[in-house]
């Protein structure tokens, strides 16, 4: 995949602890490097979101989640493969392979392979999954337009990528991989 320059530049911003806004399947999202506690804390502060709730990791392919998926039964891997890329977020055991500032107070972490070309290009340019959460302060509606993101956060972001959200009417469904229980419809 050839990654457009703007996504390569945004990946560089992420590599130095930046927080960027990018359109996703249904709403605009905020992303940062999941391995950077400082970046995640900054993102959480922007949203006024408690660390304990945990965050979603979004990747460009299943391969980007190989470290998390190793050891899963083949029928569970098949379930993931059949649902991705797309608006399906799955709770999988993090097995201590994800920092606490990402999984929060949970034994699982939420992961998704994105179908949005912009988010896919950003994850591809970065080279690994990114934190992805809706680009709104707690209690405010998730934005579907770039201007709303700028209105919410102004100069608090290091980059706002161009583009528009996908055709999904709602953010991804979140399900438990083992039980299929829907956590967020």
Protein backbone atom coordinates (compact mmCIF):
# COMPACT_ATOMS: atom_id res chain seq x y z
CA UNK A 1 0.00 0.00 0.00
CA UNK A 2 1.32 3.43 -0.94
CA UNK A 3 0.60 5.80 1.94
CA UNK A 4 -0.09 9.43 0.99
CA UNK A 5 2.41 11.95 2.37
CA UNK A 6 -0.10 13.60 4.73
CA UNK A 7 -0.50 10.29 6.59
CA UNK A 8 3.28 9.81 6.74
CA UNK A 9 3.58 13.30 8.23
CA UNK A 10 0.79 12.56 10.73
CA UNK A 11 2.57 9.32 11.70
CA UNK A 12 5.68 11.36 12.51
CA UNK A 13 3.55 13.59 14.75
CA UNK A 14 2.24 10.48 16.51
CA UNK A 15 5.75 9.08 16.95
CA UNK A 16 6.74 12.13 19.03
CA UNK A 17 3.71 11.93 21.31
CA UNK A 18 1.19 13.91 19.29
CA UNK A 19 -2.58 13.61 19.26
CA UNK A 20 -4.29 13.76 15.87
CA UNK A 21 -7.90 13.80 14.66
CA UNK A 22 -8.90 11.55 11.77
CA UNK A 23 -12.24 10.53 10.25
CA UNK A 24 -13.34 6.95 10.87
CA UNK A 25 -16.23 4.77 9.69
CA UNK A 26 -18.96 6.79 11.47
CA UNK A 27 -17.45 9.70 13.43
CA UNK A 28 -14.27 11.67 13.80
CA UNK A 29 -11.74 10.12 16.16
CA UNK A 30 -8.71 11.11 18.16
CA UNK A 31 -5.62 8.93 17.89
CA UNK A 32 -2.26 8.65 19.56
CA UNK A 33 0.56 6.16 20.14
CA UNK A 34 -0.77 3.47 22.50
CA UNK A 35 2.75 2.94 23.90
CA UNK A 36 3.13 6.58 24.95
CA UNK A 37 1.63 7.16 28.38
CA UNK A 38 2.10 10.92 27.94
CA UNK A 39 0.19 10.94 24.64
CA UNK A 40 -2.64 8.83 26.05
CA UNK A 41 -2.88 11.05 29.15
CA UNK A 42 -3.06 14.10 26.91
CA UNK A 43 -5.81 12.54 24.82
CA UNK A 44 -7.77 11.56 27.94
CA UNK A 45 -7.40 15.10 29.32
CA UNK A 46 -8.70 16.59 26.05
CA UNK A 47 -11.79 14.38 26.29
CA UNK A 48 -12.17 14.60 30.09
CA UNK A 49 -12.32 10.79 29.98
CA UNK A 50 -11.28 8.69 32.97
CA UNK A 51 -8.31 6.38 32.46
CA UNK A 52 -10.19 3.50 34.10
CA UNK A 53 -12.65 3.21 31.17
CA UNK A 54 -9.99 2.00 28.73
CA UNK A 55 -9.63 2.81 25.05
CA UNK A 56 -9.98 1.13 21.65
CA UNK A 57 -6.97 0.13 19.57
CA UNK A 58 -7.46 0.33 15.80
CA UNK A 59 -5.17 -1.30 13.25
CA UNK A 60 -4.89 -1.57 9.50
CA UNK A 61 -4.80 -5.39 9.50
CA UNK A 62 -5.05 -8.44 11.74
CA UNK A 63 -1.28 -8.76 11.44
CA UNK A 64 -0.91 -5.54 13.44
CA UNK A 65 -2.58 -7.36 16.35
CA UNK A 66 -0.45 -10.53 16.11
CA UNK A 67 1.04 -10.10 19.59
CA UNK A 68 -2.45 -9.88 21.13
CA UNK A 69 -3.99 -12.66 19.07
CA UNK A 70 -1.26 -15.24 19.56
CA UNK A 71 -2.62 -18.24 21.43
CA UNK A 72 -6.28 -17.67 20.56
CA UNK A 73 -8.24 -20.72 19.39
CA UNK A 74 -8.69 -21.02 15.63
CA UNK A 75 -12.48 -20.56 15.84
CA UNK A 76 -11.96 -17.21 17.62
CA UNK A 77 -9.42 -16.09 15.02
CA UNK A 78 -11.89 -17.07 12.30
CA UNK A 79 -14.61 -14.96 13.98
CA UNK A 80 -12.29 -11.94 13.93
CA UNK A 81 -11.21 -12.54 10.35
CA UNK A 82 -14.82 -12.82 9.17
CA UNK A 83 -15.79 -9.51 10.81
CA UNK A 84 -12.83 -7.38 9.65
CA UNK A 85 -12.13 -4.94 8.25
CA UNK A 86 -15.24 -3.19 9.42
CA UNK A 87 -17.21 -1.62 12.24
CA UNK A 88 -16.74 -4.53 14.65
CA UNK A 89 -14.74 -3.95 17.80
CA UNK A 90 -13.90 -7.00 19.90
CA UNK A 91 -12.88 -7.31 23.53
CA UNK A 92 -9.94 -9.70 23.74
CA UNK A 93 -7.81 -10.66 26.75
CA UNK A 94 -4.82 -8.32 26.86
CA UNK A 95 -2.64 -10.87 28.73
CA UNK A 96 -0.47 -8.04 30.05
CA UNK A 97 0.62 -7.17 26.50
CA UNK A 98 -1.10 -3.77 26.48
CA UNK A 99 -0.28 -0.89 28.83
CA UNK A 100 -2.70 -0.19 31.68
CA UNK A 101 -3.27 3.32 30.35
CA UNK A 102 -4.92 1.67 27.31
CA UNK A 103 -6.91 -1.19 28.88
CA UNK A 104 -7.95 0.74 31.98
CA UNK A 105 -9.47 -1.36 34.76
CA UNK A 106 -10.24 -4.28 32.43
CA UNK A 107 -8.80 -7.74 31.73
CA UNK A 108 -9.61 -7.17 28.06
CA UNK A 109 -8.75 -4.58 25.46
CA UNK A 110 -11.00 -3.40 22.62
CA UNK A 111 -9.53 -3.89 19.14
CA UNK A 112 -10.73 -3.27 15.58
CA UNK A 113 -9.35 -3.48 12.05
CA UNK A 114 -10.65 -0.36 10.35
CA UNK A 115 -12.39 -0.27 6.99
CA UNK A 116 -11.98 3.52 6.68
CA UNK A 117 -9.30 4.32 4.08
CA UNK A 118 -7.95 7.33 6.00
CA UNK A 119 -7.70 5.59 9.35
CA UNK A 120 -6.24 2.55 7.59
CA UNK A 121 -3.57 4.72 5.94
CA UNK A 122 -2.72 6.36 9.27
CA UNK A 123 -2.26 2.99 11.02
CA UNK A 124 -0.27 1.72 8.05
CA UNK A 125 2.01 4.78 8.08
CA UNK A 126 2.48 4.49 11.85
CA UNK A 127 3.23 0.78 11.57
CA UNK A 128 1.11 -0.46 14.45
CA UNK A 129 -2.32 -0.05 16.02
CA UNK A 130 -3.29 3.33 17.40
CA UNK A 131 -5.56 4.46 20.17
CA UNK A 132 -8.82 5.57 18.58
CA UNK A 133 -11.65 7.23 20.45
CA UNK A 134 -14.41 9.57 19.37
CA UNK A 135 -13.27 13.18 18.99
CA UNK A 136 -15.60 14.73 21.53
CA UNK A 137 -15.32 15.84 25.13
CA UNK A 138 -17.22 13.60 27.55
CA UNK A 139 -20.93 14.35 27.43
CA UNK A 140 -20.89 16.00 23.98
CA UNK A 141 -22.03 14.43 20.70
CA UNK A 142 -19.41 12.65 18.60
CA UNK A 143 -18.52 14.83 15.60
CA UNK A 144 -19.29 13.82 12.04
CA UNK A 145 -17.70 16.94 10.49
CA UNK A 146 -14.13 18.27 10.65
CA UNK A 147 -15.26 21.75 11.78
CA UNK A 148 -16.86 20.20 14.89
CA UNK A 149 -13.54 18.65 15.91
CA UNK A 150 -11.82 22.01 15.54
CA UNK A 151 -14.61 23.68 17.53
CA UNK A 152 -14.22 21.15 20.36
CA UNK A 153 -10.43 21.13 20.59
CA UNK A 154 -9.00 24.10 18.66
CA UNK A 155 -5.25 24.25 19.09
CA UNK A 156 -5.25 21.31 21.53
CA UNK A 157 -4.55 18.89 18.68
CA UNK A 158 -1.26 18.43 16.86
CA UNK A 159 -2.93 17.62 13.53
CA UNK A 160 -6.39 17.33 11.99
CA UNK A 161 -6.33 15.18 8.87
CA UNK A 162 -8.49 15.94 5.86
CA UNK A 163 -11.31 13.68 4.78
CA UNK A 164 -14.80 12.71 5.77
CA UNK A 165 -16.37 9.97 7.83
CA UNK A 166 -17.54 6.75 6.24
CA UNK A 167 -21.12 5.65 5.61
CA UNK A 168 -21.72 3.92 8.96
CA UNK A 169 -24.62 5.46 10.87
CA UNK A 170 -23.17 4.59 14.30
CA UNK A 171 -19.77 3.89 15.86
CA UNK A 172 -18.63 0.28 15.88
CA UNK A 173 -20.41 -2.38 17.89
CA UNK A 174 -18.27 -3.64 20.79
CA UNK A 175 -18.58 -7.36 21.61
CA UNK A 176 -16.85 -9.80 23.91
CA UNK A 177 -14.90 -12.25 21.74
CA UNK A 178 -15.68 -15.25 23.94
CA UNK A 179 -19.35 -14.67 24.77
CA UNK A 180 -20.52 -12.49 21.84
CA UNK A 181 -22.15 -10.26 24.48
CA UNK A 182 -22.72 -6.78 23.06
CA UNK A 183 -21.12 -4.19 25.34
CA UNK A 184 -21.92 -1.22 23.11
CA UNK A 185 -24.66 -1.57 20.48
